[in-house]
């Protein structure tokens, strides 16, 4: 059984988007085994201690809106699609990112780099 790693990170160059990432510990798998498991990513622009609305939750394979909040659903769906396509793993993305922090392409690229580096570190 693989362990779970939980990481927190502020995406550099963004208007304060924080990532809370949970990934399976792929290092616990035999070297010939293909990665498997689901990545869970929560994105918010609220600081620790503030009350945080749930936002939207999207499961990426197939794209399923688990909880839909109009202000954040497009951002959550875009991030889920990008991560699933690049990582070839199922992803659950929860986003409570509001206001000016709604993700640009550069912010999504920063989130992708963070997740990729975290996965490489867990292998």
N, C-alpha and C. Protein backbone atom coordinates (compact mmCIF):
# COMPACT_ATOMS: atom_id res chain seq x y z
N UNK A 1 0.86 -1.17 0.00
CA UNK A 1 0.00 0.00 0.00
C UNK A 1 0.90 1.23 0.00
N UNK A 2 0.61 2.18 -0.86
CA UNK A 2 1.45 3.37 -0.96
C UNK A 2 1.02 4.42 0.05
N UNK A 3 1.99 5.21 0.45
CA UNK A 3 1.72 6.31 1.38
C UNK A 3 1.20 7.51 0.59
N UNK A 4 0.65 8.45 1.30
CA UNK A 4 0.16 9.69 0.69
C UNK A 4 1.06 10.82 1.14
N UNK A 5 1.42 11.69 0.20
CA UNK A 5 2.20 12.87 0.52
C UNK A 5 1.32 14.09 0.32
N UNK A 6 1.36 15.01 1.27
CA UNK A 6 0.60 16.24 1.18
C UNK A 6 1.58 17.39 1.14
N UNK A 7 1.46 18.25 0.13
CA UNK A 7 2.37 19.37 -0.05
C UNK A 7 1.58 20.66 -0.18
N UNK A 8 2.15 21.75 0.36
CA UNK A 8 1.54 23.07 0.20
C UNK A 8 2.55 23.96 -0.49
N UNK A 9 2.07 24.86 -1.34
CA UNK A 9 2.97 25.63 -2.19
C UNK A 9 2.26 26.88 -2.68
N UNK A 10 3.00 28.00 -2.74
CA UNK A 10 2.46 29.20 -3.37
C UNK A 10 3.06 29.32 -4.76
N UNK A 11 2.23 29.41 -5.77
CA UNK A 11 2.70 29.48 -7.15
C UNK A 11 3.40 30.82 -7.36
N UNK A 12 4.71 30.81 -7.72
CA UNK A 12 5.42 32.07 -7.91
C UNK A 12 4.89 32.82 -9.13
N UNK A 13 4.93 34.14 -9.04
CA UNK A 13 4.49 34.97 -10.15
C UNK A 13 2.98 35.05 -10.29
N UNK A 14 2.25 34.56 -9.29
CA UNK A 14 0.79 34.62 -9.36
C UNK A 14 0.28 35.61 -8.33
N UNK A 15 -0.96 35.94 -8.47
CA UNK A 15 -1.59 36.81 -7.49
C UNK A 15 -2.08 35.94 -6.33
N UNK A 16 -1.13 35.33 -5.66
CA UNK A 16 -1.38 34.53 -4.45
C UNK A 16 -2.31 33.35 -4.66
N UNK A 17 -1.93 32.45 -5.53
CA UNK A 17 -2.64 31.18 -5.65
C UNK A 17 -1.86 30.15 -4.86
N UNK A 18 -2.51 29.51 -3.90
CA UNK A 18 -1.89 28.50 -3.07
C UNK A 18 -2.37 27.13 -3.51
N UNK A 19 -1.45 26.16 -3.53
CA UNK A 19 -1.77 24.79 -3.91
C UNK A 19 -1.67 23.88 -2.69
N UNK A 20 -2.60 23.00 -2.54
CA UNK A 20 -2.56 21.94 -1.54
C UNK A 20 -2.68 20.64 -2.33
N UNK A 21 -1.60 19.88 -2.39
CA UNK A 21 -1.50 18.72 -3.28
C UNK A 21 -1.37 17.44 -2.48
N UNK A 22 -2.13 16.43 -2.87
CA UNK A 22 -2.01 15.10 -2.30
C UNK A 22 -1.70 14.14 -3.44
N UNK A 23 -0.57 13.44 -3.33
CA UNK A 23 -0.17 12.49 -4.37
C UNK A 23 0.15 11.14 -3.74
N UNK A 24 -0.11 10.05 -4.48
CA UNK A 24 0.33 8.74 -4.00
C UNK A 24 1.85 8.69 -3.97
N UNK A 25 2.42 7.92 -3.09
CA UNK A 25 3.88 7.76 -3.01
C UNK A 25 4.28 6.70 -4.02
N UNK A 26 4.66 7.15 -5.23
CA UNK A 26 5.01 6.21 -6.29
C UNK A 26 6.31 5.48 -5.99
N UNK A 27 7.12 5.99 -5.08
CA UNK A 27 8.36 5.32 -4.71
C UNK A 27 8.12 3.99 -4.02
N UNK A 28 6.90 3.80 -3.50
CA UNK A 28 6.56 2.55 -2.83
C UNK A 28 6.22 1.44 -3.82
N UNK A 29 6.11 1.79 -5.11
CA UNK A 29 5.77 0.80 -6.13
C UNK A 29 7.03 0.15 -6.68
N UNK A 30 6.94 -1.10 -7.14
CA UNK A 30 8.09 -1.72 -7.82
C UNK A 30 8.46 -0.89 -9.05
N UNK A 31 9.75 -0.86 -9.43
CA UNK A 31 10.19 0.00 -10.53
C UNK A 31 9.51 -0.27 -11.87
N UNK A 32 9.04 -1.48 -12.09
CA UNK A 32 8.42 -1.81 -13.38
C UNK A 32 6.93 -1.46 -13.41
N UNK A 33 6.38 -1.05 -12.30
CA UNK A 33 4.95 -0.76 -12.22
C UNK A 33 4.68 0.65 -12.73
N UNK A 34 3.67 0.77 -13.57
CA UNK A 34 3.28 2.09 -14.05
C UNK A 34 2.60 2.86 -12.92
N UNK A 35 2.82 4.18 -12.90
CA UNK A 35 2.19 5.00 -11.87
C UNK A 35 0.68 4.82 -11.92
N UNK A 36 0.09 4.78 -10.76
CA UNK A 36 -1.36 4.72 -10.68
C UNK A 36 -1.79 5.42 -9.40
N UNK A 37 -3.03 5.77 -9.36
CA UNK A 37 -3.54 6.52 -8.24
C UNK A 37 -4.15 7.82 -8.75
N UNK A 38 -4.73 8.55 -7.85
CA UNK A 38 -5.38 9.80 -8.21
C UNK A 38 -4.70 10.95 -7.49
N UNK A 39 -4.45 12.01 -8.22
CA UNK A 39 -3.88 13.22 -7.64
C UNK A 39 -5.03 14.10 -7.20
N UNK A 40 -4.94 14.67 -6.01
CA UNK A 40 -5.96 15.59 -5.51
C UNK A 40 -5.29 16.94 -5.31
N UNK A 41 -5.83 17.97 -5.94
CA UNK A 41 -5.25 19.30 -5.89
C UNK A 41 -6.32 20.31 -5.52
N UNK A 42 -6.05 21.10 -4.47
CA UNK A 42 -6.96 22.18 -4.10
C UNK A 42 -6.23 23.49 -4.31
N UNK A 43 -6.87 24.42 -4.99
CA UNK A 43 -6.30 25.73 -5.29
C UNK A 43 -7.14 26.81 -4.62
N UNK A 44 -6.48 27.75 -3.97
CA UNK A 44 -7.20 28.85 -3.33
C UNK A 44 -6.34 30.10 -3.36
N UNK A 45 -6.97 31.25 -3.25
CA UNK A 45 -6.23 32.49 -3.11
C UNK A 45 -6.49 33.13 -1.76
N UNK A 46 -7.00 32.35 -0.83
CA UNK A 46 -7.22 32.83 0.53
C UNK A 46 -6.08 32.38 1.43
N UNK A 47 -5.70 33.23 2.37
CA UNK A 47 -4.60 32.89 3.26
C UNK A 47 -5.08 31.94 4.34
N UNK A 48 -4.12 31.25 4.95
CA UNK A 48 -4.44 30.26 5.98
C UNK A 48 -5.19 30.94 7.12
N UNK A 49 -6.22 30.31 7.58
CA UNK A 49 -7.00 30.84 8.69
C UNK A 49 -8.28 31.53 8.24
N UNK A 50 -8.34 31.99 6.98
CA UNK A 50 -9.56 32.58 6.45
C UNK A 50 -10.57 31.48 6.15
N UNK A 51 -11.84 31.81 6.31
CA UNK A 51 -12.88 30.86 5.91
C UNK A 51 -12.84 30.74 4.40
N UNK A 52 -12.91 29.53 3.91
CA UNK A 52 -12.75 29.28 2.48
C UNK A 52 -13.98 28.57 1.94
N UNK A 53 -14.72 29.21 1.01
CA UNK A 53 -15.82 28.49 0.39
C UNK A 53 -15.30 27.30 -0.41
N UNK A 54 -16.12 26.30 -0.60
CA UNK A 54 -15.66 25.09 -1.26
C UNK A 54 -15.22 25.33 -2.69
N UNK A 55 -15.87 26.20 -3.40
CA UNK A 55 -15.53 26.41 -4.80
C UNK A 55 -16.05 25.26 -5.64
N UNK A 56 -15.38 24.98 -6.74
CA UNK A 56 -15.80 23.91 -7.65
C UNK A 56 -14.89 22.71 -7.50
N UNK A 57 -15.43 21.52 -7.72
CA UNK A 57 -14.64 20.29 -7.67
C UNK A 57 -14.87 19.54 -8.99
N UNK A 58 -13.76 19.18 -9.66
CA UNK A 58 -13.84 18.52 -10.96
C UNK A 58 -13.01 17.25 -10.92
N UNK A 59 -13.59 16.13 -11.37
CA UNK A 59 -12.86 14.89 -11.57
C UNK A 59 -12.58 14.79 -13.05
N UNK A 60 -11.35 14.50 -13.43
CA UNK A 60 -10.93 14.68 -14.82
C UNK A 60 -11.14 13.51 -15.77
N UNK A 61 -11.37 12.31 -15.29
CA UNK A 61 -11.47 11.17 -16.22
C UNK A 61 -12.75 10.40 -15.94
N UNK A 62 -13.83 10.54 -16.66
CA UNK A 62 -14.09 11.61 -17.61
C UNK A 62 -14.38 12.90 -16.87
N UNK A 63 -14.38 14.02 -17.58
CA UNK A 63 -14.64 15.30 -16.93
C UNK A 63 -16.01 15.27 -16.28
N UNK A 64 -16.00 15.33 -14.96
CA UNK A 64 -17.23 15.27 -14.17
C UNK A 64 -17.22 16.40 -13.17
N UNK A 65 -18.26 17.21 -13.17
CA UNK A 65 -18.36 18.29 -12.20
C UNK A 65 -19.01 17.73 -10.94
N UNK A 66 -18.20 17.56 -9.90
CA UNK A 66 -18.70 17.00 -8.65
C UNK A 66 -19.45 18.07 -7.87
N UNK A 67 -18.89 19.26 -7.82
CA UNK A 67 -19.54 20.40 -7.17
C UNK A 67 -19.28 21.59 -8.06
N UNK A 68 -20.32 22.27 -8.48
CA UNK A 68 -20.20 23.31 -9.48
C UNK A 68 -20.56 24.67 -8.89
N UNK A 69 -19.58 25.55 -8.82
CA UNK A 69 -19.82 26.93 -8.43
C UNK A 69 -19.42 27.79 -9.63
N UNK A 70 -20.36 28.52 -10.17
CA UNK A 70 -20.17 29.20 -11.45
C UNK A 70 -18.91 30.05 -11.51
N UNK A 71 -18.54 30.71 -10.43
CA UNK A 71 -17.39 31.62 -10.45
C UNK A 71 -16.06 30.89 -10.62
N UNK A 72 -16.00 29.59 -10.30
CA UNK A 72 -14.71 28.89 -10.30
C UNK A 72 -14.67 27.64 -11.18
N UNK A 73 -15.79 27.25 -11.77
CA UNK A 73 -15.83 25.97 -12.48
C UNK A 73 -14.93 25.95 -13.71
N UNK A 74 -14.88 27.04 -14.46
CA UNK A 74 -14.05 27.05 -15.67
C UNK A 74 -12.57 26.87 -15.33
N UNK A 75 -12.11 27.57 -14.30
CA UNK A 75 -10.71 27.46 -13.88
C UNK A 75 -10.39 26.05 -13.42
N UNK A 76 -11.25 25.47 -12.58
CA UNK A 76 -11.03 24.11 -12.08
C UNK A 76 -11.00 23.10 -13.23
N UNK A 77 -11.91 23.24 -14.18
CA UNK A 77 -11.96 22.32 -15.31
C UNK A 77 -10.72 22.46 -16.19
N UNK A 78 -10.26 23.69 -16.43
CA UNK A 78 -9.06 23.89 -17.26
C UNK A 78 -7.83 23.26 -16.61
N UNK A 79 -7.66 23.48 -15.31
CA UNK A 79 -6.51 22.90 -14.61
C UNK A 79 -6.59 21.38 -14.63
N UNK A 80 -7.77 20.81 -14.39
CA UNK A 80 -7.93 19.35 -14.40
C UNK A 80 -7.59 18.77 -15.77
N UNK A 81 -8.05 19.41 -16.83
CA UNK A 81 -7.78 18.91 -18.18
C UNK A 81 -6.30 18.96 -18.51
N UNK A 82 -5.63 20.06 -18.16
CA UNK A 82 -4.20 20.20 -18.45
C UNK A 82 -3.40 19.14 -17.69
N UNK A 83 -3.69 18.98 -16.40
CA UNK A 83 -2.94 18.02 -15.59
C UNK A 83 -3.15 16.59 -16.08
N UNK A 84 -4.38 16.23 -16.39
CA UNK A 84 -4.65 14.87 -16.86
C UNK A 84 -3.95 14.58 -18.18
N UNK A 85 -3.99 15.54 -19.08
CA UNK A 85 -3.36 15.34 -20.39
C UNK A 85 -1.85 15.20 -20.25
N UNK A 86 -1.22 16.04 -19.45
CA UNK A 86 0.24 16.03 -19.32
C UNK A 86 0.75 14.88 -18.47
N UNK A 87 0.03 14.53 -17.40
CA UNK A 87 0.52 13.54 -16.45
C UNK A 87 0.01 12.13 -16.73
N UNK A 88 -1.03 12.02 -17.54
CA UNK A 88 -1.65 10.73 -17.84
C UNK A 88 -2.10 10.01 -16.57
N UNK A 89 -2.65 10.78 -15.65
CA UNK A 89 -3.20 10.26 -14.40
C UNK A 89 -4.53 10.94 -14.13
N UNK A 90 -5.46 10.26 -13.45
CA UNK A 90 -6.69 10.94 -13.06
C UNK A 90 -6.40 12.00 -12.00
N UNK A 91 -7.15 13.08 -12.06
CA UNK A 91 -6.93 14.22 -11.18
C UNK A 91 -8.27 14.70 -10.65
N UNK A 92 -8.30 15.05 -9.38
CA UNK A 92 -9.44 15.75 -8.80
C UNK A 92 -8.94 17.14 -8.45
N UNK A 93 -9.59 18.17 -9.00
CA UNK A 93 -9.19 19.56 -8.74
C UNK A 93 -10.34 20.27 -8.06
N UNK A 94 -10.02 20.88 -6.93
CA UNK A 94 -10.95 21.74 -6.22
C UNK A 94 -10.39 23.15 -6.30
N UNK A 95 -11.21 24.11 -6.68
CA UNK A 95 -10.72 25.48 -6.82
C UNK A 95 -11.66 26.46 -6.14
N UNK A 96 -11.11 27.23 -5.23
CA UNK A 96 -11.84 28.36 -4.65
C UNK A 96 -10.98 29.60 -4.87
N UNK A 97 -10.70 29.86 -6.14
CA UNK A 97 -9.88 31.00 -6.56
C UNK A 97 -10.84 32.06 -7.09
N UNK A 98 -10.79 33.24 -6.49
CA UNK A 98 -11.75 34.29 -6.82
C UNK A 98 -11.04 35.57 -7.23
N UNK A 99 -11.79 36.43 -7.91
CA UNK A 99 -11.31 37.77 -8.24
C UNK A 99 -10.24 37.76 -9.30
N UNK A 100 -9.23 38.63 -9.12
CA UNK A 100 -8.16 38.79 -10.10
C UNK A 100 -7.26 37.58 -10.19
N UNK A 101 -7.35 36.66 -9.25
CA UNK A 101 -6.46 35.50 -9.23
C UNK A 101 -6.90 34.40 -10.18
N UNK A 102 -8.05 34.55 -10.83
CA UNK A 102 -8.48 33.49 -11.74
C UNK A 102 -7.43 33.25 -12.79
N UNK A 103 -7.06 32.00 -12.93
CA UNK A 103 -5.86 31.58 -13.62
C UNK A 103 -5.66 32.01 -15.05
N UNK A 104 -4.51 32.58 -15.28
CA UNK A 104 -4.06 32.84 -16.63
C UNK A 104 -3.27 31.62 -17.09
N UNK A 105 -2.86 31.62 -18.34
CA UNK A 105 -2.07 30.51 -18.86
C UNK A 105 -0.77 30.37 -18.09
N UNK A 106 -0.14 31.49 -17.71
CA UNK A 106 1.12 31.44 -16.95
C UNK A 106 0.91 30.83 -15.58
N UNK A 107 -0.20 31.15 -14.94
CA UNK A 107 -0.47 30.58 -13.62
C UNK A 107 -0.72 29.08 -13.72
N UNK A 108 -1.44 28.65 -14.73
CA UNK A 108 -1.69 27.22 -14.91
C UNK A 108 -0.38 26.50 -15.20
N UNK A 109 0.51 27.12 -15.98
CA UNK A 109 1.83 26.53 -16.25
C UNK A 109 2.63 26.40 -14.95
N UNK A 110 2.55 27.38 -14.06
CA UNK A 110 3.24 27.30 -12.77
C UNK A 110 2.69 26.18 -11.90
N UNK A 111 1.38 26.00 -11.92
CA UNK A 111 0.75 24.91 -11.17
C UNK A 111 1.20 23.57 -11.74
N UNK A 112 1.24 23.45 -13.06
CA UNK A 112 1.68 22.21 -13.71
C UNK A 112 3.12 21.89 -13.34
N UNK A 113 4.01 22.88 -13.36
CA UNK A 113 5.42 22.65 -12.98
C UNK A 113 5.52 22.15 -11.54
N UNK A 114 4.76 22.76 -10.64
CA UNK A 114 4.77 22.34 -9.24
C UNK A 114 4.33 20.88 -9.10
N UNK A 115 3.25 20.51 -9.77
CA UNK A 115 2.74 19.14 -9.67
C UNK A 115 3.74 18.16 -10.29
N UNK A 116 4.31 18.50 -11.45
CA UNK A 116 5.29 17.62 -12.09
C UNK A 116 6.51 17.41 -11.20
N UNK A 117 7.04 18.47 -10.61
CA UNK A 117 8.21 18.34 -9.72
C UNK A 117 7.86 17.51 -8.50
N UNK A 118 6.67 17.68 -7.98
CA UNK A 118 6.24 16.90 -6.81
C UNK A 118 6.14 15.42 -7.15
N UNK A 119 5.63 15.10 -8.34
CA UNK A 119 5.53 13.71 -8.76
C UNK A 119 6.91 13.10 -8.97
N UNK A 120 7.82 13.85 -9.59
CA UNK A 120 9.18 13.36 -9.79
C UNK A 120 9.86 13.08 -8.45
N UNK A 121 9.62 13.93 -7.48
CA UNK A 121 10.22 13.75 -6.15
C UNK A 121 9.65 12.53 -5.44
N UNK A 122 8.42 12.15 -5.78
CA UNK A 122 7.81 11.01 -5.09
C UNK A 122 8.13 9.69 -5.75
N UNK A 123 8.82 9.72 -6.88
CA UNK A 123 9.15 8.46 -7.57
C UNK A 123 10.45 7.89 -7.06
